[in-house]
């Protein structure tokens, strides 16, 4: 019984991670046009020309964690 409960918890957690990663990717695409957004497993990867420099001045790229709400 405990193994089933643990399995259900892991599946629910994986679904929540997937949902949040999709939400973050969509929010970044909307807030930062010109930045390429890709999912790599559970990670959301931002890329593009000058994205590192742009991150310094663009609040949408500096505070991606704020999109988790």
C-alpha atoms as a PDB file:
ATOM      1  CA  UNK A   1       0.000   0.000   0.000  1.00  0.00           C
ATOM      2  CA  UNK A   2       2.788   2.422   0.866  1.00  0.00           C
ATOM      3  CA  UNK A   3       4.483   1.737  -2.471  1.00  0.00           C
ATOM      4  CA  UNK A   4       1.266   2.626  -4.343  1.00  0.00           C
ATOM      5  CA  UNK A   5       0.895   5.799  -2.323  1.00  0.00           C
ATOM      6  CA  UNK A   6       4.513   6.755  -3.004  1.00  0.00           C
ATOM      7  CA  UNK A   7       4.050   6.069  -6.726  1.00  0.00           C
ATOM      8  CA  UNK A   8       0.940   8.247  -6.854  1.00  0.00           C
ATOM      9  CA  UNK A   9       2.806  11.048  -5.068  1.00  0.00           C
ATOM     10  CA  UNK A  10       5.703  10.857  -7.519  1.00  0.00           C
ATOM     11  CA  UNK A  11       3.354  10.947 -10.511  1.00  0.00           C
ATOM     12  CA  UNK A  12       1.471  13.932  -9.069  1.00  0.00           C
ATOM     13  CA  UNK A  13       4.765  15.727  -8.425  1.00  0.00           C
ATOM     14  CA  UNK A  14       5.987  15.032 -11.973  1.00  0.00           C
ATOM     15  CA  UNK A  15       2.737  16.404 -13.410  1.00  0.00           C
ATOM     16  CA  UNK A  16       3.059  19.555 -11.279  1.00  0.00           C
ATOM     17  CA  UNK A  17       6.665  20.097 -12.431  1.00  0.00           C
ATOM     18  CA  UNK A  18       5.632  19.632 -16.067  1.00  0.00           C
ATOM     19  CA  UNK A  19       2.714  22.063 -15.700  1.00  0.00           C
ATOM     20  CA  UNK A  20       4.872  24.743 -14.050  1.00  0.00           C
ATOM     21  CA  UNK A  21       7.631  24.378 -16.655  1.00  0.00           C
ATOM     22  CA  UNK A  22       5.049  24.846 -19.433  1.00  0.00           C
ATOM     23  CA  UNK A  23       3.614  27.904 -17.634  1.00  0.00           C
ATOM     24  CA  UNK A  24       7.047  29.468 -17.167  1.00  0.00           C
ATOM     25  CA  UNK A  25       8.024  28.827 -20.788  1.00  0.00           C
ATOM     26  CA  UNK A  26       4.795  30.433 -22.023  1.00  0.00           C
ATOM     27  CA  UNK A  27       5.187  33.415 -19.671  1.00  0.00           C
ATOM     28  CA  UNK A  28       8.776  34.033 -20.794  1.00  0.00           C
ATOM     29  CA  UNK A  29       7.792  33.788 -24.474  1.00  0.00           C
ATOM     30  CA  UNK A  30       5.128  36.442 -23.875  1.00  0.00           C
ATOM     31  CA  UNK A  31       7.212  38.742 -21.656  1.00  0.00           C
ATOM     32  CA  UNK A  32      10.477  38.569 -23.604  1.00  0.00           C
ATOM     33  CA  UNK A  33       9.976  38.475 -27.357  1.00  0.00           C
ATOM     34  CA  UNK A  34      13.066  37.483 -29.292  1.00  0.00           C
ATOM     35  CA  UNK A  35      14.272  35.059 -26.624  1.00  0.00           C
ATOM     36  CA  UNK A  36      14.172  31.388 -27.592  1.00  0.00           C
ATOM     37  CA  UNK A  37      12.630  29.207 -24.928  1.00  0.00           C
ATOM     38  CA  UNK A  38      13.063  25.431 -24.899  1.00  0.00           C
ATOM     39  CA  UNK A  39      12.204  22.672 -22.477  1.00  0.00           C
ATOM     40  CA  UNK A  40      14.923  20.172 -21.653  1.00  0.00           C
ATOM     41  CA  UNK A  41      13.456  17.669 -19.265  1.00  0.00           C
ATOM     42  CA  UNK A  42      12.339  19.619 -16.202  1.00  0.00           C
ATOM     43  CA  UNK A  43      14.442  22.647 -17.175  1.00  0.00           C
ATOM     44  CA  UNK A  44      13.396  25.734 -19.115  1.00  0.00           C
ATOM     45  CA  UNK A  45      16.338  26.958 -21.204  1.00  0.00           C
ATOM     46  CA  UNK A  46      16.544  30.518 -22.526  1.00  0.00           C
ATOM     47  CA  UNK A  47      18.802  31.311 -25.448  1.00  0.00           C
ATOM     48  CA  UNK A  48      19.342  33.893 -28.127  1.00  0.00           C
ATOM     49  CA  UNK A  49      21.690  36.591 -29.193  1.00  0.00           C
ATOM     50  CA  UNK A  50      22.510  38.923 -26.313  1.00  0.00           C
ATOM     51  CA  UNK A  51      20.200  37.169 -23.851  1.00  0.00           C
ATOM     52  CA  UNK A  52      22.867  37.324 -21.112  1.00  0.00           C
ATOM     53  CA  UNK A  53      23.263  41.105 -21.480  1.00  0.00           C
ATOM     54  CA  UNK A  54      19.534  41.578 -21.924  1.00  0.00           C
ATOM     55  CA  UNK A  55      18.929  39.731 -18.661  1.00  0.00           C
ATOM     56  CA  UNK A  56      20.684  42.556 -16.816  1.00  0.00           C
ATOM     57  CA  UNK A  57      18.233  45.223 -17.983  1.00  0.00           C
ATOM     58  CA  UNK A  58      15.017  43.307 -18.567  1.00  0.00           C
ATOM     59  CA  UNK A  59      13.038  42.646 -15.355  1.00  0.00           C
ATOM     60  CA  UNK A  60      11.096  39.846 -17.058  1.00  0.00           C
ATOM     61  CA  UNK A  61      14.337  37.915 -17.514  1.00  0.00           C
ATOM     62  CA  UNK A  62      15.798  38.838 -14.119  1.00  0.00           C
ATOM     63  CA  UNK A  63      12.822  37.729 -12.069  1.00  0.00           C
ATOM     64  CA  UNK A  64      11.638  34.551 -13.822  1.00  0.00           C
ATOM     65  CA  UNK A  65      10.929  33.081 -10.387  1.00  0.00           C
ATOM     66  CA  UNK A  66       8.179  35.683  -9.979  1.00  0.00           C
ATOM     67  CA  UNK A  67       6.321  33.966 -12.815  1.00  0.00           C
ATOM     68  CA  UNK A  68       5.866  30.891 -10.615  1.00  0.00           C
ATOM     69  CA  UNK A  69       2.963  32.372  -8.718  1.00  0.00           C
END
